[in-house]
Amino acid sequence: MYGTIFNLNVKSGHEDALLEIMDGNAPKGGVAWLLMKPDDSKSDFIGVAVFESKEAHVANAQSPEQNETFNQLMEHLESEPSWTDGKYIRGAFHWGYGHTYES
């Protein structure tokens, strides 16, 4: 599996709109995505996206649909996200595939 970890700095008052866009995004080749609201204030959200392969990740990044989604997200961000891409080498999810986690 392959993916990216990203940091998002959200414009004041735009959190709900940003989350609504992200909730509707299920890219082809995507396995999972998570969004964290960290306890510190270095960024508003930290996200993790997991794809079946590096090829699926790159295909998503280069797709017109993802470009449109990214442009919509940027309307609600202070700056472009910072990205760290790489191969996931260990990990586990302890709930069934397709489960929606809500707090």
N, C-alpha and C. Protein backbone atom coordinates (compact mmCIF):
# COMPACT_ATOMS: atom_id res chain seq x y z
N MET A 1 0.84 -1.18 0.00
CA MET A 1 0.00 0.00 0.00
C MET A 1 0.88 1.24 0.00
N TYR A 2 0.32 2.30 -0.52
CA TYR A 2 1.05 3.54 -0.71
C TYR A 2 0.10 4.69 -0.37
N GLY A 3 0.66 5.84 -0.03
CA GLY A 3 -0.22 6.96 0.24
C GLY A 3 0.49 8.22 0.64
N THR A 4 -0.24 9.08 1.30
CA THR A 4 0.28 10.38 1.68
C THR A 4 -0.26 10.78 3.05
N ILE A 5 0.56 11.54 3.76
CA ILE A 5 0.14 12.19 5.00
C ILE A 5 0.20 13.68 4.71
N PHE A 6 -0.84 14.42 5.09
CA PHE A 6 -0.90 15.82 4.72
C PHE A 6 -1.40 16.68 5.86
N ASN A 7 -0.98 17.94 5.85
CA ASN A 7 -1.38 18.92 6.85
C ASN A 7 -2.22 20.00 6.18
N LEU A 8 -3.35 20.35 6.83
CA LEU A 8 -4.26 21.34 6.29
C LEU A 8 -4.43 22.48 7.28
N ASN A 9 -4.28 23.70 6.79
CA ASN A 9 -4.57 24.90 7.58
C ASN A 9 -5.81 25.56 6.99
N VAL A 10 -6.90 25.47 7.73
CA VAL A 10 -8.22 25.86 7.24
C VAL A 10 -8.50 27.33 7.54
N LYS A 11 -9.10 28.01 6.56
CA LYS A 11 -9.52 29.40 6.77
C LYS A 11 -10.57 29.44 7.88
N SER A 12 -10.54 30.50 8.65
CA SER A 12 -11.51 30.68 9.73
C SER A 12 -12.93 30.62 9.19
N GLY A 13 -13.78 29.81 9.83
CA GLY A 13 -15.17 29.69 9.43
C GLY A 13 -15.42 28.74 8.27
N HIS A 14 -14.38 28.05 7.77
CA HIS A 14 -14.52 27.19 6.59
C HIS A 14 -14.44 25.70 6.90
N GLU A 15 -14.33 25.35 8.17
CA GLU A 15 -14.13 23.94 8.53
C GLU A 15 -15.26 23.04 8.03
N ASP A 16 -16.51 23.41 8.26
CA ASP A 16 -17.64 22.57 7.84
C ASP A 16 -17.68 22.39 6.33
N ALA A 17 -17.45 23.44 5.57
CA ALA A 17 -17.46 23.35 4.11
C ALA A 17 -16.35 22.43 3.61
N LEU A 18 -15.17 22.53 4.22
CA LEU A 18 -14.06 21.67 3.84
C LEU A 18 -14.38 20.21 4.13
N LEU A 19 -14.93 19.94 5.30
CA LEU A 19 -15.27 18.57 5.67
C LEU A 19 -16.35 17.99 4.76
N GLU A 20 -17.27 18.81 4.33
CA GLU A 20 -18.32 18.34 3.42
C GLU A 20 -17.72 17.88 2.09
N ILE A 21 -16.76 18.62 1.57
CA ILE A 21 -16.09 18.23 0.33
C ILE A 21 -15.33 16.93 0.54
N MET A 22 -14.62 16.83 1.65
CA MET A 22 -13.82 15.63 1.91
C MET A 22 -14.70 14.40 2.11
N ASP A 23 -15.87 14.57 2.73
CA ASP A 23 -16.76 13.44 2.96
C ASP A 23 -17.24 12.80 1.67
N GLY A 24 -17.35 13.57 0.61
CA GLY A 24 -17.83 13.05 -0.66
C GLY A 24 -16.74 12.50 -1.56
N ASN A 25 -15.50 12.47 -1.09
CA ASN A 25 -14.37 12.09 -1.93
C ASN A 25 -13.95 10.65 -1.66
N ALA A 26 -14.18 9.76 -2.63
CA ALA A 26 -13.76 8.36 -2.54
C ALA A 26 -13.02 8.01 -3.82
N PRO A 27 -11.71 8.30 -3.87
CA PRO A 27 -10.97 8.11 -5.12
C PRO A 27 -10.81 6.65 -5.52
N LYS A 28 -10.77 6.40 -6.81
CA LYS A 28 -10.52 5.06 -7.34
C LYS A 28 -9.15 4.60 -6.85
N GLY A 29 -9.08 3.37 -6.38
CA GLY A 29 -7.82 2.83 -5.87
C GLY A 29 -7.56 3.18 -4.43
N GLY A 30 -8.44 4.00 -3.84
CA GLY A 30 -8.30 4.36 -2.44
C GLY A 30 -8.74 3.23 -1.53
N VAL A 31 -8.00 3.01 -0.46
CA VAL A 31 -8.32 1.98 0.51
C VAL A 31 -8.94 2.60 1.76
N ALA A 32 -8.36 3.72 2.20
CA ALA A 32 -8.84 4.37 3.42
C ALA A 32 -8.32 5.80 3.46
N TRP A 33 -9.01 6.62 4.23
CA TRP A 33 -8.48 7.94 4.56
C TRP A 33 -8.97 8.30 5.95
N LEU A 34 -8.13 9.02 6.65
CA LEU A 34 -8.41 9.45 8.02
C LEU A 34 -8.06 10.92 8.14
N LEU A 35 -8.77 11.62 9.00
CA LEU A 35 -8.50 13.03 9.24
C LEU A 35 -8.46 13.25 10.74
N MET A 36 -7.37 13.84 11.22
CA MET A 36 -7.17 14.07 12.65
C MET A 36 -7.19 15.57 12.93
N LYS A 37 -7.80 15.92 14.05
CA LYS A 37 -7.71 17.29 14.57
C LYS A 37 -6.71 17.22 15.72
N PRO A 38 -5.47 17.65 15.49
CA PRO A 38 -4.42 17.49 16.50
C PRO A 38 -4.64 18.36 17.73
N ASP A 39 -4.10 17.89 18.85
CA ASP A 39 -4.18 18.65 20.10
C ASP A 39 -3.34 19.92 20.05
N ASP A 40 -2.21 19.89 19.31
CA ASP A 40 -1.40 21.10 19.20
C ASP A 40 -1.97 22.00 18.11
N SER A 41 -1.40 23.14 17.91
CA SER A 41 -1.95 24.08 16.94
C SER A 41 -1.06 24.29 15.71
N LYS A 42 -0.21 23.30 15.39
CA LYS A 42 0.68 23.44 14.23
C LYS A 42 -0.10 23.37 12.91
N SER A 43 -1.19 22.62 12.89
CA SER A 43 -2.07 22.61 11.73
C SER A 43 -3.48 22.30 12.23
N ASP A 44 -4.47 22.66 11.42
CA ASP A 44 -5.86 22.44 11.82
C ASP A 44 -6.25 20.97 11.71
N PHE A 45 -5.78 20.32 10.64
CA PHE A 45 -6.04 18.90 10.41
C PHE A 45 -4.79 18.22 9.89
N ILE A 46 -4.64 16.95 10.22
CA ILE A 46 -3.63 16.09 9.63
C ILE A 46 -4.38 14.92 9.00
N GLY A 47 -4.12 14.67 7.74
CA GLY A 47 -4.81 13.60 7.04
C GLY A 47 -3.88 12.49 6.61
N VAL A 48 -4.46 11.31 6.45
CA VAL A 48 -3.75 10.14 5.95
C VAL A 48 -4.61 9.54 4.85
N ALA A 49 -4.02 9.35 3.68
CA ALA A 49 -4.71 8.69 2.58
C ALA A 49 -3.94 7.42 2.22
N VAL A 50 -4.67 6.32 2.05
CA VAL A 50 -4.06 5.03 1.75
C VAL A 50 -4.61 4.53 0.42
N PHE A 51 -3.72 4.13 -0.47
CA PHE A 51 -4.09 3.61 -1.79
C PHE A 51 -3.57 2.19 -1.96
N GLU A 52 -4.16 1.46 -2.89
CA GLU A 52 -3.76 0.09 -3.17
C GLU A 52 -2.30 0.00 -3.59
N SER A 53 -1.82 1.02 -4.29
CA SER A 53 -0.47 0.98 -4.85
C SER A 53 -0.01 2.41 -5.15
N LYS A 54 1.28 2.54 -5.43
CA LYS A 54 1.81 3.84 -5.83
C LYS A 54 1.15 4.27 -7.15
N GLU A 55 0.93 3.33 -8.03
CA GLU A 55 0.32 3.63 -9.32
C GLU A 55 -1.09 4.20 -9.14
N ALA A 56 -1.86 3.61 -8.21
CA ALA A 56 -3.21 4.12 -7.94
C ALA A 56 -3.16 5.52 -7.35
N HIS A 57 -2.18 5.75 -6.46
CA HIS A 57 -2.01 7.08 -5.85
C HIS A 57 -1.68 8.12 -6.92
N VAL A 58 -0.73 7.80 -7.79
CA VAL A 58 -0.31 8.74 -8.84
C VAL A 58 -1.46 8.97 -9.83
N ALA A 59 -2.18 7.90 -10.20
CA ALA A 59 -3.31 8.05 -11.12
C ALA A 59 -4.37 8.97 -10.52
N ASN A 60 -4.62 8.83 -9.23
CA ASN A 60 -5.58 9.72 -8.56
C ASN A 60 -5.08 11.16 -8.58
N ALA A 61 -3.82 11.35 -8.23
CA ALA A 61 -3.26 12.71 -8.17
C ALA A 61 -3.32 13.40 -9.53
N GLN A 62 -3.23 12.63 -10.60
CA GLN A 62 -3.21 13.20 -11.94
C GLN A 62 -4.59 13.24 -12.60
N SER A 63 -5.61 12.77 -11.92
CA SER A 63 -6.95 12.70 -12.54
C SER A 63 -7.64 14.07 -12.53
N PRO A 64 -8.43 14.34 -13.55
CA PRO A 64 -9.18 15.59 -13.59
C PRO A 64 -10.14 15.72 -12.40
N GLU A 65 -10.72 14.60 -11.95
CA GLU A 65 -11.65 14.64 -10.82
C GLU A 65 -10.94 15.09 -9.54
N GLN A 66 -9.73 14.57 -9.32
CA GLN A 66 -8.99 14.96 -8.12
C GLN A 66 -8.54 16.41 -8.22
N ASN A 67 -8.19 16.86 -9.42
CA ASN A 67 -7.81 18.26 -9.61
C ASN A 67 -8.99 19.18 -9.26
N GLU A 68 -10.19 18.79 -9.68
CA GLU A 68 -11.37 19.58 -9.36
C GLU A 68 -11.62 19.60 -7.85
N THR A 69 -11.51 18.44 -7.21
CA THR A 69 -11.69 18.36 -5.76
C THR A 69 -10.64 19.20 -5.04
N PHE A 70 -9.39 19.11 -5.48
CA PHE A 70 -8.31 19.89 -4.87
C PHE A 70 -8.59 21.39 -4.97
N ASN A 71 -9.04 21.82 -6.14
CA ASN A 71 -9.35 23.25 -6.32
C ASN A 71 -10.49 23.69 -5.40
N GLN A 72 -11.47 22.83 -5.20
CA GLN A 72 -12.56 23.14 -4.26
C GLN A 72 -12.03 23.24 -2.84
N LEU A 73 -11.15 22.31 -2.46
CA LEU A 73 -10.55 22.33 -1.12
C LEU A 73 -9.74 23.60 -0.89
N MET A 74 -8.98 24.01 -1.90
CA MET A 74 -8.12 25.19 -1.76
C MET A 74 -8.92 26.46 -1.46
N GLU A 75 -10.17 26.51 -1.85
CA GLU A 75 -11.02 27.66 -1.53
C GLU A 75 -11.20 27.82 -0.02
N HIS A 76 -10.95 26.75 0.73
CA HIS A 76 -11.18 26.75 2.17
C HIS A 76 -9.89 26.65 2.98
N LEU A 77 -8.74 26.69 2.31
CA LEU A 77 -7.45 26.55 2.99
C LEU A 77 -6.66 27.85 2.95
N GLU A 78 -5.88 28.09 4.00
CA GLU A 78 -5.00 29.26 4.06
C GLU A 78 -3.82 29.13 3.09
N SER A 79 -3.36 27.89 2.90
CA SER A 79 -2.20 27.63 2.05
C SER A 79 -2.30 26.21 1.50
N GLU A 80 -1.47 25.93 0.50
CA GLU A 80 -1.45 24.58 -0.04
C GLU A 80 -1.00 23.59 1.04
N PRO A 81 -1.61 22.40 1.08
CA PRO A 81 -1.21 21.41 2.08
C PRO A 81 0.26 21.02 1.93
N SER A 82 0.86 20.59 3.03
CA SER A 82 2.17 19.96 2.95
C SER A 82 1.92 18.46 2.83
N TRP A 83 2.72 17.79 2.01
CA TRP A 83 2.50 16.38 1.69
C TRP A 83 3.75 15.57 2.02
N THR A 84 3.55 14.36 2.52
CA THR A 84 4.62 13.38 2.66
C THR A 84 4.10 12.09 2.05
N ASP A 85 4.66 11.70 0.90
CA ASP A 85 4.23 10.49 0.20
C ASP A 85 5.17 9.34 0.52
N GLY A 86 4.64 8.12 0.49
CA GLY A 86 5.51 6.97 0.71
C GLY A 86 4.74 5.67 0.78
N LYS A 87 5.52 4.58 0.88
CA LYS A 87 4.99 3.23 0.99
C LYS A 87 4.71 2.92 2.45
N TYR A 88 3.49 2.47 2.74
CA TYR A 88 3.17 2.03 4.10
C TYR A 88 3.75 0.63 4.29
N ILE A 89 4.52 0.45 5.34
CA ILE A 89 5.19 -0.84 5.54
C ILE A 89 4.60 -1.67 6.68
N ARG A 90 3.81 -1.06 7.55
CA ARG A 90 3.13 -1.78 8.64
C ARG A 90 1.87 -1.01 9.01
N GLY A 91 0.88 -1.74 9.52
CA GLY A 91 -0.32 -1.08 10.00
C GLY A 91 -1.47 -2.05 10.13
N ALA A 92 -2.50 -1.63 10.82
CA ALA A 92 -3.70 -2.45 10.99
C ALA A 92 -4.89 -1.55 11.26
N PHE A 93 -6.03 -1.98 10.78
CA PHE A 93 -7.30 -1.36 11.12
C PHE A 93 -8.09 -2.41 11.87
N HIS A 94 -8.72 -2.02 12.94
CA HIS A 94 -9.41 -2.99 13.77
C HIS A 94 -10.93 -2.91 13.62
N TRP A 95 -11.39 -2.46 12.46
CA TRP A 95 -12.81 -2.49 12.16
C TRP A 95 -12.95 -2.97 10.73
N GLY A 96 -14.14 -3.36 10.35
CA GLY A 96 -14.38 -3.91 9.03
C GLY A 96 -14.26 -2.86 7.94
N TYR A 97 -13.92 -3.31 6.75
CA TYR A 97 -13.80 -2.44 5.58
C TYR A 97 -15.14 -1.77 5.32
N GLY A 98 -15.12 -0.51 5.03
CA GLY A 98 -16.32 0.24 4.74
C GLY A 98 -16.95 0.89 5.95
N HIS A 99 -16.37 0.67 7.12
CA HIS A 99 -16.89 1.28 8.35
C HIS A 99 -16.62 2.77 8.35
N THR A 100 -17.59 3.55 8.75
CA THR A 100 -17.41 4.98 8.88
C THR A 100 -17.18 5.31 10.34
N TYR A 101 -16.06 5.94 10.62
CA TYR A 101 -15.74 6.33 11.99
C TYR A 101 -16.25 7.73 12.20
N GLU A 102 -17.05 7.91 13.22
CA GLU A 102 -17.55 9.24 13.56
C GLU A 102 -17.36 9.46 15.04
N SER A 103 -16.94 10.66 15.42
CA SER A 103 -16.78 10.96 16.83
C SER A 103 -17.92 11.82 17.32
